């Protein structure tokens, strides 16, 4: 009976994961970057499972329900809510103009931020479960770097499309993390924050 429950749970997780990745593939990012936002996430997922093969086995359900992983689970859930909220706001707005309301008034790339928080939560859970594995932390850092690069390319497209309007928006709203320091270029600041978080992960 317990084994049957595990199999059903694993099947449900596989279905939801497939649907989730499919959703990412069809998010209209911007111009030629349509669908590219799936690649850093896919890199993280495959790197994560490669580094932690135990989560491919039948005890995977423990990763979702083990009480000692609650903190990482909450972080991942918050990230998913951020991503989903930003996605809904973007789909409601359509492509009529530059989206600057809702979560897009907090950071310019809330979907990327949400994905980063989701994968950060998963990384924390992995460390809490198996101890520090540098490969998992490195995979998270590379995934974040991928989104920083994608955001930079997307901003070039948006700057050429909306010109002055987007420049004014950039001056008011931070890049990916809700932090802004005028003397530090935003991509560099994002990487500094990411490196700081990466270092803190090694202390868990």
C-alpha atoms as a PDB file:
ATOM      1  CA  UNK A   1       0.000   0.000   0.000  1.00  0.00           C
ATOM      2  CA  UNK A   2       2.765   2.425   1.000  1.00  0.00           C
ATOM      3  CA  UNK A   3       4.724   1.502  -2.134  1.00  0.00           C
ATOM      4  CA  UNK A   4       1.655   2.177  -4.286  1.00  0.00           C
ATOM      5  CA  UNK A   5       1.276   5.611  -2.698  1.00  0.00           C
ATOM      6  CA  UNK A   6       4.933   6.391  -3.455  1.00  0.00           C
ATOM      7  CA  UNK A   7       4.463   5.415  -7.115  1.00  0.00           C
ATOM      8  CA  UNK A   8       1.355   7.601  -7.462  1.00  0.00           C
ATOM      9  CA  UNK A   9       3.155  10.521  -5.839  1.00  0.00           C
ATOM     10  CA  UNK A  10       6.173  10.136  -8.113  1.00  0.00           C
ATOM     11  CA  UNK A  11       3.902   9.999 -11.161  1.00  0.00           C
ATOM     12  CA  UNK A  12       2.088  13.156 -10.039  1.00  0.00           C
ATOM     13  CA  UNK A  13       5.416  14.953  -9.530  1.00  0.00           C
ATOM     14  CA  UNK A  14       6.609  13.922 -13.010  1.00  0.00           C
ATOM     15  CA  UNK A  15       3.378  15.171 -14.609  1.00  0.00           C
ATOM     16  CA  UNK A  16       3.530  18.505 -12.757  1.00  0.00           C
ATOM     17  CA  UNK A  17       7.225  18.938 -13.571  1.00  0.00           C
ATOM     18  CA  UNK A  18       6.595  18.300 -17.267  1.00  0.00           C
ATOM     19  CA  UNK A  19       3.710  20.777 -17.307  1.00  0.00           C
ATOM     20  CA  UNK A  20       5.815  23.341 -15.425  1.00  0.00           C
ATOM     21  CA  UNK A  21       8.710  23.100 -17.901  1.00  0.00           C
ATOM     22  CA  UNK A  22       6.287  23.251 -20.820  1.00  0.00           C
ATOM     23  CA  UNK A  23       4.811  26.428 -19.345  1.00  0.00           C
ATOM     24  CA  UNK A  24       8.262  27.996 -19.155  1.00  0.00           C
ATOM     25  CA  UNK A  25       8.926  27.166 -22.802  1.00  0.00           C
ATOM     26  CA  UNK A  26       5.912  29.133 -23.970  1.00  0.00           C
ATOM     27  CA  UNK A  27       6.285  32.267 -21.882  1.00  0.00           C
ATOM     28  CA  UNK A  28       6.568  35.162 -24.357  1.00  0.00           C
ATOM     29  CA  UNK A  29       9.799  36.745 -23.158  1.00  0.00           C
ATOM     30  CA  UNK A  30      10.709  39.343 -25.768  1.00  0.00           C
ATOM     31  CA  UNK A  31      11.216  39.220 -29.492  1.00  0.00           C
ATOM     32  CA  UNK A  32      13.862  36.666 -30.533  1.00  0.00           C
ATOM     33  CA  UNK A  33      14.359  35.539 -26.919  1.00  0.00           C
ATOM     34  CA  UNK A  34      10.968  33.780 -26.968  1.00  0.00           C
ATOM     35  CA  UNK A  35      11.203  30.577 -24.973  1.00  0.00           C
ATOM     36  CA  UNK A  36      14.875  30.885 -23.986  1.00  0.00           C
ATOM     37  CA  UNK A  37      14.064  31.333 -20.304  1.00  0.00           C
ATOM     38  CA  UNK A  38      13.661  27.551 -19.969  1.00  0.00           C
ATOM     39  CA  UNK A  39      17.347  26.809 -20.567  1.00  0.00           C
ATOM     40  CA  UNK A  40      18.923  28.045 -17.296  1.00  0.00           C
ATOM     41  CA  UNK A  41      16.126  26.313 -15.370  1.00  0.00           C
ATOM     42  CA  UNK A  42      16.581  23.092 -17.330  1.00  0.00           C
ATOM     43  CA  UNK A  43      20.341  23.281 -16.729  1.00  0.00           C
ATOM     44  CA  UNK A  44      19.687  23.652 -13.000  1.00  0.00           C
ATOM     45  CA  UNK A  45      17.174  20.767 -12.850  1.00  0.00           C
ATOM     46  CA  UNK A  46      19.416  18.325 -14.722  1.00  0.00           C
ATOM     47  CA  UNK A  47      22.518  19.460 -12.837  1.00  0.00           C
ATOM     48  CA  UNK A  48      20.649  19.133  -9.551  1.00  0.00           C
ATOM     49  CA  UNK A  49      19.475  15.579 -10.285  1.00  0.00           C
ATOM     50  CA  UNK A  50      22.905  14.627 -11.617  1.00  0.00           C
ATOM     51  CA  UNK A  51      24.586  15.843  -8.423  1.00  0.00           C
ATOM     52  CA  UNK A  52      21.969  14.246  -6.165  1.00  0.00           C
ATOM     53  CA  UNK A  53      20.964  10.912  -7.733  1.00  0.00           C
ATOM     54  CA  UNK A  54      19.115   9.942  -4.545  1.00  0.00           C
ATOM     55  CA  UNK A  55      16.310  12.298  -5.555  1.00  0.00           C
ATOM     56  CA  UNK A  56      15.701  10.214  -8.664  1.00  0.00           C
ATOM     57  CA  UNK A  57      14.861   7.202  -6.505  1.00  0.00           C
ATOM     58  CA  UNK A  58      11.712   6.261  -4.604  1.00  0.00           C
ATOM     59  CA  UNK A  59      12.591   8.335  -1.522  1.00  0.00           C
ATOM     60  CA  UNK A  60      12.029  11.478  -3.600  1.00  0.00           C
ATOM     61  CA  UNK A  61       8.793  12.049  -1.676  1.00  0.00           C
ATOM     62  CA  UNK A  62      10.891  12.700   1.458  1.00  0.00           C
ATOM     63  CA  UNK A  63      12.371  15.700  -0.310  1.00  0.00           C
ATOM     64  CA  UNK A  64       8.862  17.151  -0.513  1.00  0.00           C
ATOM     65  CA  UNK A  65       7.580  16.234   2.949  1.00  0.00           C
ATOM     66  CA  UNK A  66      10.584  15.798   5.263  1.00  0.00           C
ATOM     67  CA  UNK A  67      10.050  18.277   8.190  1.00  0.00           C
ATOM     68  CA  UNK A  68      13.723  19.287   8.448  1.00  0.00           C
ATOM     69  CA  UNK A  69      13.606  20.647   4.883  1.00  0.00           C
ATOM     70  CA  UNK A  70      10.810  23.081   5.684  1.00  0.00           C
ATOM     71  CA  UNK A  71      12.886  26.275   5.357  1.00  0.00           C
ATOM     72  CA  UNK A  72      14.117  25.470   1.849  1.00  0.00           C
ATOM     73  CA  UNK A  73      10.629  24.314   0.878  1.00  0.00           C
ATOM     74  CA  UNK A  74       9.116  27.631   2.006  1.00  0.00           C
ATOM     75  CA  UNK A  75      11.763  29.584   0.050  1.00  0.00           C
ATOM     76  CA  UNK A  76      10.991  27.555  -3.091  1.00  0.00           C
ATOM     77  CA  UNK A  77       7.242  28.060  -2.627  1.00  0.00           C
ATOM     78  CA  UNK A  78       7.670  31.831  -2.229  1.00  0.00           C
ATOM     79  CA  UNK A  79       9.717  31.888  -5.439  1.00  0.00           C
ATOM     80  CA  UNK A  80       7.043  29.928  -7.288  1.00  0.00           C
ATOM     81  CA  UNK A  81       4.330  32.332  -6.101  1.00  0.00           C
ATOM     82  CA  UNK A  82       6.438  35.299  -7.261  1.00  0.00           C
ATOM     83  CA  UNK A  83       6.957  33.714 -10.673  1.00  0.00           C
ATOM     84  CA  UNK A  84       3.307  32.741 -11.075  1.00  0.00           C
ATOM     85  CA  UNK A  85       2.057  36.185 -10.004  1.00  0.00           C
ATOM     86  CA  UNK A  86       4.410  37.925 -12.462  1.00  0.00           C
ATOM     87  CA  UNK A  87       3.380  35.544 -15.236  1.00  0.00           C
ATOM     88  CA  UNK A  88      -0.334  36.196 -14.652  1.00  0.00           C
ATOM     89  CA  UNK A  89       0.271  39.962 -14.591  1.00  0.00           C
ATOM     90  CA  UNK A  90       2.206  39.758 -17.855  1.00  0.00           C
ATOM     91  CA  UNK A  91      -0.421  37.611 -19.592  1.00  0.00           C
ATOM     92  CA  UNK A  92      -3.205  39.948 -18.460  1.00  0.00           C
ATOM     93  CA  UNK A  93      -1.314  42.964 -19.789  1.00  0.00           C
ATOM     94  CA  UNK A  94      -0.664  41.286 -23.138  1.00  0.00           C
ATOM     95  CA  UNK A  95       1.725  43.091 -25.489  1.00  0.00           C
ATOM     96  CA  UNK A  96      -0.061  46.415 -25.631  1.00  0.00           C
ATOM     97  CA  UNK A  97       2.797  48.348 -24.083  1.00  0.00           C
ATOM     98  CA  UNK A  98       5.528  48.337 -21.492  1.00  0.00           C
ATOM     99  CA  UNK A  99       4.451  46.504 -18.330  1.00  0.00           C
ATOM    100  CA  UNK A 100       5.449  48.568 -15.274  1.00  0.00           C
ATOM    101  CA  UNK A 101       2.761  47.718 -12.701  1.00  0.00           C
ATOM    102  CA  UNK A 102       2.406  44.981 -10.076  1.00  0.00           C
ATOM    103  CA  UNK A 103       5.590  43.039  -9.437  1.00  0.00           C
ATOM    104  CA  UNK A 104       7.120  44.798 -12.446  1.00  0.00           C
ATOM    105  CA  UNK A 105       7.155  47.959 -10.325  1.00  0.00           C
ATOM    106  CA  UNK A 106       9.375  46.167  -7.773  1.00  0.00           C
ATOM    107  CA  UNK A 107      11.923  44.636 -10.165  1.00  0.00           C
ATOM    108  CA  UNK A 108      12.151  44.703 -13.946  1.00  0.00           C
ATOM    109  CA  UNK A 109      12.416  40.914 -14.249  1.00  0.00           C
ATOM    110  CA  UNK A 110      10.189  39.392 -11.531  1.00  0.00           C
ATOM    111  CA  UNK A 111       9.789  36.096 -13.398  1.00  0.00           C
ATOM    112  CA  UNK A 112      13.537  35.555 -13.443  1.00  0.00           C
ATOM    113  CA  UNK A 113      13.712  36.575  -9.791  1.00  0.00           C
ATOM    114  CA  UNK A 114      10.981  34.054  -8.953  1.00  0.00           C
ATOM    115  CA  UNK A 115      12.844  31.245 -10.730  1.00  0.00           C
ATOM    116  CA  UNK A 116      16.053  32.164  -8.909  1.00  0.00           C
ATOM    117  CA  UNK A 117      14.251  31.985  -5.561  1.00  0.00           C
ATOM    118  CA  UNK A 118      12.654  28.627  -6.469  1.00  0.00           C
ATOM    119  CA  UNK A 119      16.027  27.116  -7.343  1.00  0.00           C
ATOM    120  CA  UNK A 120      17.612  28.714  -4.274  1.00  0.00           C
ATOM    121  CA  UNK A 121      14.997  26.976  -2.125  1.00  0.00           C
ATOM    122  CA  UNK A 122      15.735  23.644  -3.822  1.00  0.00           C
ATOM    123  CA  UNK A 123      19.461  24.184  -3.273  1.00  0.00           C
ATOM    124  CA  UNK A 124      18.905  24.896   0.423  1.00  0.00           C
ATOM    125  CA  UNK A 125      16.813  21.731   0.705  1.00  0.00           C
ATOM    126  CA  UNK A 126      19.543  19.708  -0.975  1.00  0.00           C
ATOM    127  CA  UNK A 127      22.156  21.037   1.446  1.00  0.00           C
ATOM    128  CA  UNK A 128      19.906  20.350   4.437  1.00  0.00           C
ATOM    129  CA  UNK A 129      19.299  16.812   3.189  1.00  0.00           C
ATOM    130  CA  UNK A 130      22.716  15.690   1.932  1.00  0.00           C
ATOM    131  CA  UNK A 131      25.134  18.249   3.353  1.00  0.00           C
ATOM    132  CA  UNK A 132      27.128  20.737   1.325  1.00  0.00           C
ATOM    133  CA  UNK A 133      27.787  19.580  -2.222  1.00  0.00           C
ATOM    134  CA  UNK A 134      29.710  22.221  -4.188  1.00  0.00           C
ATOM    135  CA  UNK A 135      28.255  20.952  -7.483  1.00  0.00           C
ATOM    136  CA  UNK A 136      24.697  21.879  -6.422  1.00  0.00           C
ATOM    137  CA  UNK A 137      25.711  25.380  -5.300  1.00  0.00           C
ATOM    138  CA  UNK A 138      27.720  25.886  -8.504  1.00  0.00           C
ATOM    139  CA  UNK A 139      24.773  24.764 -10.638  1.00  0.00           C
ATOM    140  CA  UNK A 140      22.551  27.339  -8.878  1.00  0.00           C
ATOM    141  CA  UNK A 141      25.113  30.102  -9.484  1.00  0.00           C
ATOM    142  CA  UNK A 142      25.427  29.208 -13.181  1.00  0.00           C
ATOM    143  CA  UNK A 143      21.628  29.183 -13.501  1.00  0.00           C
ATOM    144  CA  UNK A 144      21.442  32.684 -12.026  1.00  0.00           C
ATOM    145  CA  UNK A 145      24.202  33.825 -14.382  1.00  0.00           C
ATOM    146  CA  UNK A 146      22.121  32.498 -17.279  1.00  0.00           C
ATOM    147  CA  UNK A 147      19.158  34.634 -16.231  1.00  0.00           C
ATOM    148  CA  UNK A 148      21.354  37.703 -15.799  1.00  0.00           C
ATOM    149  CA  UNK A 149      22.565  37.267 -19.389  1.00  0.00           C
ATOM    150  CA  UNK A 150      19.031  36.678 -20.689  1.00  0.00           C
ATOM    151  CA  UNK A 151      17.767  39.756 -18.850  1.00  0.00           C
ATOM    152  CA  UNK A 152      20.553  41.831 -20.389  1.00  0.00           C
ATOM    153  CA  UNK A 153      19.655  40.698 -23.919  1.00  0.00           C
ATOM    154  CA  UNK A 154      15.960  41.258 -23.229  1.00  0.00           C
ATOM    155  CA  UNK A 155      16.653  44.783 -22.019  1.00  0.00           C
ATOM    156  CA  UNK A 156      18.436  45.647 -25.257  1.00  0.00           C
ATOM    157  CA  UNK A 157      15.329  44.617 -27.167  1.00  0.00           C
ATOM    158  CA  UNK A 158      13.003  46.552 -24.849  1.00  0.00           C
ATOM    159  CA  UNK A 159      15.247  49.632 -24.979  1.00  0.00           C
ATOM    160  CA  UNK A 160      15.115  49.658 -28.769  1.00  0.00           C
ATOM    161  CA  UNK A 161      11.361  49.115 -28.777  1.00  0.00           C
ATOM    162  CA  UNK A 162      10.265  51.545 -26.055  1.00  0.00           C
ATOM    163  CA  UNK A 163      13.308  53.867 -26.076  1.00  0.00           C
ATOM    164  CA  UNK A 164      12.810  56.806 -23.663  1.00  0.00           C
ATOM    165  CA  UNK A 165       9.936  55.143 -21.810  1.00  0.00           C
ATOM    166  CA  UNK A 166      12.104  52.133 -20.965  1.00  0.00           C
ATOM    167  CA  UNK A 167      15.048  54.306 -19.931  1.00  0.00           C
ATOM    168  CA  UNK A 168      12.817  56.125 -17.449  1.00  0.00           C
ATOM    169  CA  UNK A 169      11.522  52.768 -16.187  1.00  0.00           C
ATOM    170  CA  UNK A 170      15.106  51.504 -15.715  1.00  0.00           C
ATOM    171  CA  UNK A 171      15.971  54.541 -13.612  1.00  0.00           C
ATOM    172  CA  UNK A 172      13.060  53.909 -11.236  1.00  0.00           C
ATOM    173  CA  UNK A 173      12.956  50.107 -10.909  1.00  0.00           C
ATOM    174  CA  UNK A 174      15.833  47.732  -9.949  1.00  0.00           C
ATOM    175  CA  UNK A 175      17.123  45.017 -12.304  1.00  0.00           C
ATOM    176  CA  UNK A 176      16.428  41.490 -10.945  1.00  0.00           C
ATOM    177  CA  UNK A 177      16.999  41.717  -7.201  1.00  0.00           C
ATOM    178  CA  UNK A 178      15.007  44.444  -5.401  1.00  0.00           C
ATOM    179  CA  UNK A 179      18.244  46.287  -4.564  1.00  0.00           C
ATOM    180  CA  UNK A 180      19.845  49.216  -6.338  1.00  0.00           C
ATOM    181  CA  UNK A 181      23.183  50.986  -5.825  1.00  0.00           C
ATOM    182  CA  UNK A 182      23.721  53.775  -8.325  1.00  0.00           C
ATOM    183  CA  UNK A 183      27.520  53.445  -8.444  1.00  0.00           C
ATOM    184  CA  UNK A 184      27.513  49.727  -9.315  1.00  0.00           C
ATOM    185  CA  UNK A 185      26.265  48.484 -12.728  1.00  0.00           C
ATOM    186  CA  UNK A 186      23.131  46.404 -12.182  1.00  0.00           C
ATOM    187  CA  UNK A 187      24.378  43.101 -13.687  1.00  0.00           C
ATOM    188  CA  UNK A 188      27.544  43.356 -11.566  1.00  0.00           C
ATOM    189  CA  UNK A 189      25.480  44.101  -8.438  1.00  0.00           C
ATOM    190  CA  UNK A 190      23.275  41.077  -9.213  1.00  0.00           C
ATOM    191  CA  UNK A 191      26.340  38.838  -9.456  1.00  0.00           C
ATOM    192  CA  UNK A 192      27.772  40.277  -6.214  1.00  0.00           C
ATOM    193  CA  UNK A 193      24.496  39.469  -4.430  1.00  0.00           C
ATOM    194  CA  UNK A 194      24.484  35.998  -5.994  1.00  0.00           C
ATOM    195  CA  UNK A 195      28.074  35.334  -4.910  1.00  0.00           C
ATOM    196  CA  UNK A 196      27.200  36.501  -1.388  1.00  0.00           C
ATOM    197  CA  UNK A 197      24.229  34.120  -1.255  1.00  0.00           C
ATOM    198  CA  UNK A 198      26.404  31.330  -2.697  1.00  0.00           C
ATOM    199  CA  UNK A 199      28.951  31.891   0.068  1.00  0.00           C
ATOM    200  CA  UNK A 200      26.194  31.899   2.696  1.00  0.00           C
ATOM    201  CA  UNK A 201      24.951  28.567   1.342  1.00  0.00           C
ATOM    202  CA  UNK A 202      28.316  27.050   2.182  1.00  0.00           C
ATOM    203  CA  UNK A 203      27.718  28.021   5.818  1.00  0.00           C
ATOM    204  CA  UNK A 204      24.422  26.150   6.188  1.00  0.00           C
END
